[in-house]
Protein backbone atom coordinates (compact mmCIF):
# COMPACT_ATOMS: atom_id res chain seq x y z
CA MET A 1 -37.58 -19.97 49.63
CA GLU A 2 -36.34 -19.18 46.16
CA LEU A 3 -36.73 -15.75 44.58
CA THR A 4 -38.67 -17.40 41.72
CA GLU A 5 -41.58 -17.95 44.16
CA THR A 6 -41.99 -14.23 44.75
CA THR A 7 -43.73 -11.50 42.77
CA THR A 8 -42.16 -9.81 39.76
CA ALA A 9 -41.45 -6.54 41.55
CA PHE A 10 -39.93 -8.08 44.70
CA ARG A 11 -36.14 -7.55 44.75
CA GLY A 12 -35.21 -9.02 48.12
CA LEU A 13 -34.69 -7.96 51.72
CA GLU A 14 -32.99 -4.63 52.27
CA SER A 15 -30.83 -3.99 55.32
CA ARG A 16 -32.08 -0.93 57.18
CA ALA A 17 -28.56 -0.25 58.39
CA SER A 18 -26.47 -0.67 55.23
CA GLY A 19 -29.01 -0.33 52.43
CA ARG A 20 -27.79 -3.57 50.87
CA VAL A 21 -30.50 -5.64 49.18
CA HIS A 22 -30.15 -9.38 49.80
CA GLU A 23 -31.68 -11.30 46.90
CA THR A 24 -33.73 -13.63 49.03
CA ALA A 25 -37.16 -13.76 50.63
CA ASP A 26 -35.83 -15.87 53.50
CA PRO A 27 -34.63 -13.77 56.45
CA THR A 28 -32.60 -16.68 57.79
CA ALA A 29 -30.41 -16.50 54.67
CA VAL A 30 -29.19 -13.11 55.91
CA SER A 31 -26.57 -12.83 58.64
CA PRO A 32 -27.87 -12.62 62.23
CA GLU A 33 -26.24 -9.19 62.55
CA GLU A 34 -28.15 -7.84 59.55
CA GLN A 35 -31.36 -9.46 60.79
CA ALA A 36 -30.97 -7.82 64.19
CA ARG A 37 -30.50 -4.39 62.63
CA GLY A 38 -33.72 -4.76 60.63
CA LEU A 39 -34.77 -5.93 57.18
CA ASP A 40 -37.36 -4.44 54.85
CA PRO A 41 -38.84 -5.96 51.67
CA ALA A 42 -37.58 -4.02 48.66
CA TYR A 43 -39.24 -3.66 45.26
CA ASP A 44 -38.58 -2.62 41.69
CA TYR A 45 -41.11 0.21 41.50
CA ASP A 46 -40.60 0.65 37.76
CA ALA A 47 -42.18 -2.80 37.33
CA VAL A 48 -45.48 -1.69 38.94
CA ASP A 49 -48.40 -0.23 37.00
CA PRO A 50 -50.14 2.10 39.49
CA GLU A 51 -53.54 1.88 37.80
CA ALA A 52 -53.44 -1.90 37.73
CA LEU A 53 -52.24 -2.01 41.33
CA LEU A 54 -55.26 -0.09 42.64
CA ALA A 55 -57.88 -1.35 40.19
CA GLY A 56 -58.00 -4.99 41.27
CA PRO A 57 -61.29 -6.48 42.55
CA ARG A 58 -62.01 -6.12 46.27
CA ASP A 59 -63.36 -9.67 46.43
CA GLY A 60 -62.97 -12.89 44.55
CA PRO A 61 -62.27 -16.60 44.98
CA ALA A 62 -59.75 -17.35 47.69
CA GLY A 63 -56.22 -16.69 46.47
CA THR A 64 -57.28 -14.71 43.40
CA GLY A 65 -57.68 -11.19 44.67
CA ARG A 66 -59.63 -11.38 47.92
CA GLY A 67 -58.96 -8.70 50.50
CA HIS A 68 -55.56 -7.10 50.72
CA TRP A 69 -53.94 -9.74 48.51
CA ARG A 70 -55.47 -7.91 45.55
CA PHE A 71 -52.39 -5.69 45.91
CA ASP A 72 -49.89 -8.51 45.41
CA ALA A 73 -48.09 -6.51 42.69
CA LEU A 74 -46.45 -4.71 45.64
CA LEU A 75 -46.32 -7.62 48.06
CA PRO A 76 -43.53 -10.20 48.25
CA PHE A 77 -45.65 -13.22 47.31
CA PRO A 78 -48.35 -13.84 44.70
CA ALA A 79 -51.94 -14.05 45.94
CA GLU A 80 -52.35 -17.66 44.82
CA THR A 81 -49.69 -18.76 47.34
CA ALA A 82 -51.04 -16.70 50.26
CA ILE A 83 -52.09 -18.00 53.65
CA SER A 84 -55.15 -15.84 53.91
CA ALA A 85 -58.57 -15.65 55.54
CA GLY A 86 -59.80 -12.70 53.50
CA GLU A 87 -58.19 -10.04 55.67
CA GLY A 88 -58.33 -6.52 54.34
CA ALA A 89 -61.13 -4.96 52.27
CA THR A 90 -62.38 -3.48 55.54
CA PRO A 91 -65.12 -0.81 55.56
CA LEU A 92 -64.29 2.86 55.21
CA VAL A 93 -67.13 4.52 57.12
CA PRO A 94 -67.98 8.21 56.61
CA THR A 95 -68.76 10.04 59.85
CA GLU A 96 -70.45 13.40 59.39
CA ARG A 97 -70.70 14.08 63.14
CA LEU A 98 -66.95 13.75 63.56
CA ALA A 99 -66.34 15.96 60.55
CA ASP A 100 -68.54 18.65 62.09
CA GLU A 101 -66.86 18.33 65.49
CA LEU A 102 -63.36 18.50 64.03
CA ASP A 103 -64.44 21.26 61.63
CA VAL A 104 -62.89 19.57 58.60
CA GLU A 105 -64.22 18.64 55.16
CA SER A 106 -64.74 14.94 55.87
CA VAL A 107 -63.84 12.19 58.33
CA TYR A 108 -63.78 8.46 57.69
CA VAL A 109 -63.13 5.57 60.06
CA LYS A 110 -61.22 2.66 58.56
CA ASP A 111 -62.72 -0.21 60.55
CA GLU A 112 -59.92 -2.74 60.95
CA GLY A 113 -61.96 -4.51 63.61
CA ARG A 114 -63.62 -6.35 60.71
CA ASN A 115 -60.49 -8.40 59.98
CA PRO A 116 -60.61 -12.17 60.71
CA THR A 117 -59.35 -11.94 64.29
CA GLY A 118 -60.53 -8.37 64.79
CA THR A 119 -57.24 -6.53 64.37
CA VAL A 120 -55.27 -4.61 61.76
CA LEU A 121 -52.36 -6.94 62.58
CA ASP A 122 -54.03 -9.73 60.59
CA ARG A 123 -52.74 -8.04 57.44
CA GLY A 124 -49.12 -8.46 58.48
CA LEU A 125 -49.47 -11.89 60.06
CA SER A 126 -51.01 -13.20 56.83
CA VAL A 127 -47.91 -12.12 54.89
CA ALA A 128 -45.51 -13.32 57.60
CA LEU A 129 -47.14 -16.78 57.77
CA THR A 130 -47.10 -17.02 53.99
CA ALA A 131 -43.33 -16.57 54.13
CA VAL A 132 -42.88 -19.07 56.95
CA GLY A 133 -45.21 -21.56 55.31
CA ALA A 134 -43.15 -21.44 52.12
CA ARG A 135 -39.99 -22.12 54.11
CA ALA A 136 -41.68 -25.09 55.78
CA ALA A 137 -42.79 -26.41 52.38
CA ASP A 138 -39.15 -26.19 51.26
CA GLY A 139 -38.24 -28.53 54.11
CA GLN A 140 -36.92 -26.00 56.61
CA ASP A 141 -37.55 -26.63 60.29
CA VAL A 142 -39.48 -23.50 61.25
CA GLU A 143 -41.34 -24.75 64.32
CA PRO A 144 -42.22 -23.55 66.79
CA LEU A 145 -43.36 -20.06 65.88
CA ALA A 146 -43.29 -17.56 68.71
CA CYS A 147 -43.99 -13.95 69.52
CA ALA A 148 -44.43 -11.76 72.55
CA SER A 149 -47.54 -9.65 72.36
CA PRO A 150 -49.91 -7.51 74.44
CA GLY A 151 -52.56 -9.84 73.00
CA ASN A 152 -53.74 -9.11 69.46
CA ALA A 153 -50.65 -10.28 67.59
CA GLY A 154 -50.50 -13.50 69.60
CA GLN A 155 -54.11 -14.31 68.77
CA SER A 156 -53.60 -13.46 65.11
CA MET A 157 -50.43 -15.55 64.87
CA ALA A 158 -52.24 -18.54 66.40
CA ALA A 159 -55.03 -18.25 63.83
CA TYR A 160 -52.75 -18.08 60.78
CA ALA A 161 -50.38 -20.71 62.18
CA GLY A 162 -53.38 -23.00 62.51
CA ARG A 163 -54.16 -22.51 58.82
CA ALA A 164 -50.54 -23.40 58.04
CA ASP A 165 -50.60 -26.40 60.43
CA LEU A 166 -47.67 -25.01 62.42
CA ARG A 167 -47.16 -24.92 66.20
CA SER A 168 -47.11 -21.49 67.79
CA TYR A 169 -46.42 -19.99 71.20
CA SER A 170 -47.88 -16.64 72.20
CA PHE A 171 -46.29 -14.96 75.21
CA VAL A 172 -48.61 -12.40 76.77
CA PRO A 173 -48.53 -10.37 79.99
CA SER A 174 -50.98 -11.31 82.73
CA ARG A 175 -52.99 -8.13 82.11
CA CYS A 176 -53.66 -9.21 78.51
CA ALA A 177 -57.36 -9.08 77.59
CA PHE A 178 -59.26 -12.29 78.34
CA SER A 179 -60.61 -12.37 74.77
CA ASN A 180 -57.06 -12.63 73.41
CA LYS A 181 -56.13 -15.36 75.87
CA ALA A 182 -59.24 -17.38 75.13
CA MET A 183 -59.13 -17.09 71.35
CA THR A 184 -55.41 -17.85 71.14
CA ASN A 185 -56.20 -21.26 72.62
CA VAL A 186 -59.35 -21.64 70.53
CA HIS A 187 -57.26 -21.17 67.39
CA GLY A 188 -54.97 -23.97 68.56
CA GLY A 189 -52.05 -21.86 69.72
CA ASP A 190 -50.06 -22.46 72.88
CA MET A 191 -50.34 -19.47 75.19
CA ARG A 192 -47.90 -18.57 77.95
CA VAL A 193 -49.16 -15.97 80.42
CA VAL A 194 -46.29 -14.10 82.05
CA GLY A 195 -46.61 -12.05 85.21
CA GLY A 196 -46.06 -8.33 84.74
CA ARG A 197 -46.22 -6.25 81.59
CA PHE A 198 -45.18 -6.57 77.97
CA PRO A 199 -41.38 -6.42 78.57
CA ASP A 200 -41.73 -9.39 80.93
CA ALA A 201 -43.55 -11.36 78.25
CA ALA A 202 -40.85 -10.48 75.70
CA ALA A 203 -38.09 -11.62 78.06
CA ALA A 204 -39.87 -14.91 78.73
CA VAL A 205 -39.69 -16.10 75.12
CA ASP A 206 -36.00 -16.99 75.32
CA GLU A 207 -36.26 -17.98 78.97
CA GLN A 208 -39.02 -20.53 78.44
CA LEU A 209 -38.46 -21.88 74.94
CA GLU A 210 -35.60 -24.33 75.18
CA THR A 211 -35.29 -24.72 71.44
CA GLU A 212 -34.72 -22.71 68.28
CA TYR A 213 -37.85 -20.92 67.11
CA THR A 214 -39.10 -18.61 64.39
CA ASP A 215 -39.68 -15.18 65.86
CA LEU A 216 -42.79 -13.47 64.47
CA GLY A 217 -42.57 -10.43 66.68
CA GLU A 218 -42.97 -7.00 65.09
CA PHE A 219 -39.85 -6.13 63.07
CA ALA A 220 -38.29 -9.49 63.99
CA THR A 221 -39.95 -10.60 60.77
CA PRO A 222 -39.69 -8.15 57.87
CA TYR A 223 -43.18 -9.01 56.68
CA ARG A 224 -45.59 -7.79 59.36
CA HIS A 225 -45.28 -4.06 58.69
CA ASP A 226 -45.05 -4.77 54.96
CA GLY A 227 -48.48 -6.42 55.10
CA VAL A 228 -49.93 -3.51 57.07
CA LYS A 229 -49.05 -1.11 54.23
CA THR A 230 -51.99 -2.48 52.22
CA LEU A 231 -54.20 -0.37 54.50
CA ALA A 232 -52.81 2.69 52.71
CA PHE A 233 -53.44 1.07 49.32
CA GLU A 234 -57.08 0.45 50.24
CA LEU A 235 -57.60 4.01 51.41
CA VAL A 236 -56.41 5.42 48.09
CA ALA A 237 -58.36 2.83 46.10
CA ASP A 238 -61.59 3.56 48.00
CA LEU A 239 -61.26 7.35 48.17
CA GLY A 240 -59.87 7.76 44.66
CA ALA A 241 -57.04 9.87 46.12
CA ALA A 242 -54.88 10.06 49.22
CA PRO A 243 -56.50 11.53 52.33
CA ASP A 244 -54.89 14.56 53.91
CA VAL A 245 -54.43 13.19 57.43
CA VAL A 246 -54.36 9.64 58.82
CA VAL A 247 -54.52 9.14 62.61
CA VAL A 248 -53.11 5.81 63.82
CA PRO A 249 -53.36 4.34 67.35
CA THR A 250 -49.74 3.56 68.17
CA GLY A 251 -47.95 1.16 70.48
CA SER A 252 -45.04 -0.69 68.86
CA GLY A 253 -44.91 1.64 65.84
CA GLU A 254 -45.62 -1.25 63.47
CA VAL A 255 -48.85 0.13 62.02
CA VAL A 256 -47.55 3.70 61.66
CA ALA A 257 -44.45 2.43 59.85
CA GLY A 258 -46.51 0.17 57.60
CA VAL A 259 -49.04 2.84 56.65
CA TYR A 260 -46.24 5.30 55.89
CA LYS A 261 -44.45 2.75 53.73
CA GLY A 262 -47.65 2.10 51.80
CA PHE A 263 -48.26 5.76 51.00
CA SER A 264 -44.57 6.29 50.19
CA GLU A 265 -44.67 3.43 47.69
CA LEU A 266 -47.84 4.81 46.09
CA GLU A 267 -46.10 8.17 45.69
CA ARG A 268 -43.04 6.48 44.23
CA VAL A 269 -45.04 4.60 41.56
CA GLY A 270 -47.00 7.75 40.71
CA ALA A 271 -50.38 6.69 42.13
CA ILE A 272 -50.58 9.74 44.45
CA ASP A 273 -48.97 13.15 44.43
CA ALA A 274 -47.98 13.32 48.10
CA VAL A 275 -47.93 11.28 51.29
CA PRO A 276 -50.66 12.29 53.79
CA ARG A 277 -49.74 13.73 57.17
CA ILE A 278 -49.54 10.77 59.51
CA VAL A 279 -50.36 11.14 63.20
CA ALA A 280 -49.28 8.61 65.84
CA ALA A 281 -51.85 8.64 68.67
CA GLN A 282 -50.53 7.19 71.93
CA ALA A 283 -51.80 6.79 75.46
CA ALA A 284 -50.42 9.62 77.61
CA GLY A 285 -49.34 7.08 80.22
CA CYS A 286 -46.99 5.42 77.73
CA ALA A 287 -46.04 7.78 74.93
CA PRO A 288 -42.37 7.32 74.02
CA ILE A 289 -42.94 8.06 70.31
CA ALA A 290 -44.93 11.23 71.02
CA ALA A 291 -42.25 12.38 73.46
CA ALA A 292 -39.52 11.76 70.89
CA VAL A 293 -41.35 13.77 68.24
CA GLU A 294 -41.94 16.63 70.68
CA ARG A 295 -38.26 16.70 71.63
CA GLY A 296 -36.98 16.35 68.06
CA LEU A 297 -35.31 12.97 68.67
CA ASP A 298 -34.70 10.45 65.89
CA GLU A 299 -35.50 7.53 68.18
CA PRO A 300 -37.65 7.26 71.31
CA GLU A 301 -36.17 6.75 74.73
CA PRO A 302 -37.77 3.93 76.78
CA TRP A 303 -40.75 5.09 78.82
CA GLU A 304 -39.75 4.76 82.45
CA THR A 305 -43.11 3.98 84.08
CA PRO A 306 -45.74 2.82 81.57
CA ASP A 307 -49.29 3.14 82.87
CA THR A 308 -52.34 2.84 80.64
CA ILE A 309 -55.41 0.64 80.71
CA CYS A 310 -55.09 0.26 76.94
CA GLY A 311 -52.78 -2.75 76.89
CA GLU A 312 -52.06 -2.73 73.15
CA LEU A 313 -50.72 0.82 73.50
CA GLU A 314 -48.52 0.09 76.52
CA ILE A 315 -45.20 -0.52 74.77
CA ALA A 316 -42.50 1.26 76.73
CA ASP A 317 -39.63 0.55 74.31
CA PRO A 318 -41.22 0.15 70.87
CA ALA A 319 -39.36 -1.96 68.32
CA GLY A 320 -40.66 0.33 65.59
CA GLY A 321 -40.01 3.53 67.47
CA ALA A 322 -37.44 4.99 65.08
CA ALA A 323 -39.52 3.97 62.06
CA ALA A 324 -42.60 5.60 63.59
CA VAL A 325 -40.76 8.84 64.33
CA GLU A 326 -39.51 8.88 60.74
CA ALA A 327 -43.03 8.26 59.44
CA VAL A 328 -44.65 11.18 61.24
CA THR A 329 -41.81 13.65 60.71
CA GLU A 330 -41.19 12.84 57.03
CA SER A 331 -44.92 13.04 56.28
CA GLY A 332 -45.29 16.40 58.02
CA GLY A 333 -47.48 14.82 60.67
CA THR A 334 -47.05 14.61 64.41
CA ALA A 335 -47.61 12.41 67.46
CA VAL A 336 -49.89 13.04 70.39
CA GLY A 337 -50.47 11.52 73.81
CA VAL A 338 -54.07 11.31 75.06
CA GLU A 339 -55.39 10.39 78.51
CA ASP A 340 -57.05 7.01 79.04
CA GLU A 341 -60.30 8.70 80.00
CA ASP A 342 -60.40 10.47 76.64
CA VAL A 343 -59.48 7.30 74.73
CA LEU A 344 -62.30 5.30 76.32
CA ALA A 345 -64.80 8.14 76.03
CA SER A 346 -63.96 8.44 72.34
CA ALA A 347 -64.41 4.73 71.69
CA VAL A 348 -67.78 4.81 73.45
CA ALA A 349 -68.87 7.96 71.60
CA VAL A 350 -68.12 6.36 68.23
CA ALA A 351 -70.00 3.20 69.23
CA GLN A 352 -73.03 5.19 70.36
CA ASN A 353 -73.20 7.44 67.30
CA GLU A 354 -71.74 5.59 64.32
CA VAL A 355 -73.05 1.98 64.51
CA MET A 356 -69.47 0.82 64.93
CA GLU A 357 -67.73 -1.13 67.69
CA MET A 358 -64.38 0.45 68.41
CA GLY A 359 -61.93 -1.17 70.82
CA ALA A 360 -60.12 0.68 73.58
CA THR A 361 -57.04 0.82 71.35
CA GLY A 362 -58.94 2.30 68.42
CA GLY A 363 -60.34 5.03 70.67
CA ALA A 364 -56.91 6.66 70.62
CA ALA A 365 -57.56 7.78 67.02
CA PRO A 366 -60.62 10.00 67.58
CA ALA A 367 -59.21 11.11 70.95
CA GLY A 368 -55.99 12.11 69.21
CA ALA A 369 -57.90 13.93 66.47
CA TRP A 370 -59.93 15.92 69.02
CA ALA A 371 -56.73 16.85 70.87
CA LEU A 372 -55.17 18.03 67.61
CA LYS A 373 -58.21 20.17 66.84
CA GLU A 374 -57.69 21.97 70.14
CA GLU A 375 -54.08 22.58 69.12
CA GLY A 376 -55.09 24.05 65.75
CA PHE A 377 -53.59 21.21 63.72
CA PHE A 378 -56.35 21.17 61.09
CA ASP A 379 -56.86 23.90 58.49
CA GLY A 380 -60.51 23.00 57.87
CA GLY A 381 -60.49 21.56 54.36
CA GLU A 382 -58.97 18.17 55.13
CA THR A 383 -60.11 14.64 54.50
CA VAL A 384 -59.18 12.83 57.71
CA VAL A 385 -59.04 9.06 58.23
CA LEU A 386 -59.12 7.54 61.71
CA ILE A 387 -57.86 3.97 62.05
CA ASN A 388 -59.99 1.73 64.27
CA SER A 389 -57.22 -0.76 64.89
CA ASP A 390 -59.22 -3.44 66.70
CA ALA A 391 -62.75 -4.59 67.44
CA GLY A 392 -64.86 -3.49 70.39
CA LEU A 393 -65.26 -7.11 71.48
CA LYS A 394 -61.54 -7.22 72.25
CA THR A 395 -62.03 -5.05 75.35
CA PRO A 396 -65.75 -4.89 76.23
CA ASP A 397 -64.99 -5.05 79.96
CA VAL A 398 -62.74 -1.99 79.75
CA LEU A 399 -65.35 0.00 77.85
CA ARG A 400 -68.12 -1.11 80.19
CA SER A 401 -66.05 -0.20 83.24
CA HIS A 402 -65.64 3.28 81.81
CA LEU A 403 -69.42 3.63 81.64
CA MET A 404 -69.85 2.26 85.16
CA GLY A 405 -67.38 4.85 86.39
CA GLN A 406 -69.79 7.44 85.07
CA GLY A 407 -72.69 5.84 86.92
CA ILE A 408 -74.14 4.19 83.81
């Protein structure tokens, strides 16, 4: 992929370790050592008009501003080249009951379950597949695509790979939700179910694929978290200002890092005055990021015995752990671990009171907010946004089992 096929502001891929910007949009043009240490899309922020960035239409003909591609002034590729299914432009739902319960000025739920495959990760997979599709169009051999996933990313990759007519392999642990397994195949992806938990699925990629492949795992590609940042852009565009606090259900750290990058870029171009406090909400049974923040560490230590029913949150050694810790500490936020019972109860409470279907993963956001209220985290005048990171239909059996446990 040539730099001429990218947006005006895109400068190249920056090494997280050295700070060097490689003038290419193709990660494979960078040394394997630099790739392994992490790459991040870099931009010329002086080339971005903040008013124009946020004023684009929410909807329009495919490729001309629909969804999160309206923000292509701060994405690597122009909207007209995007592999997109209209992801983004998700509802921002005001919730007066939650505002009263948290004793804050206002609470909104950003309902990412409305994305094409029901997950916030569609934002990043759209950008990542756009990059891979361009490489394939240039004649590069990119197949097969592969990623290890608790479930959502594998399903999303299969969907966007199908649009690009590329073969994909999703490696998921046996405890992955049935909906993810089924829909990965329905989208035309090849699914490999691996006994055990997420680390076993990650190890199986190299063990089972006897060929070179394009890795679309979180942070293996520089584009997944960069696509997620558009969530922050939408929040500011819809609210007319930055919220005060954003609570993000957190497993790999990908969404926390992406949201923080988005707000940081908006601050840098002068669209907002300050980055909101960002909160990483984890399951207490697997909370390496929360533990690192509590202990003042720069990087999480692997969680020795992960144990949560919320599979998307059960990432014992998160690839984006250091980035997530940086996001919450630099923003003045925090991280919190919440019990499974509270996560599921929160998801059910939102569904029963707010006409919204929140998945088990998304329940970590209101559960985390309630826990923070008990700790005195809120001053009372805040605008708080809770991220519903996936749809209720991802885990209906888990939510129903919670109710049955209560005799319902």
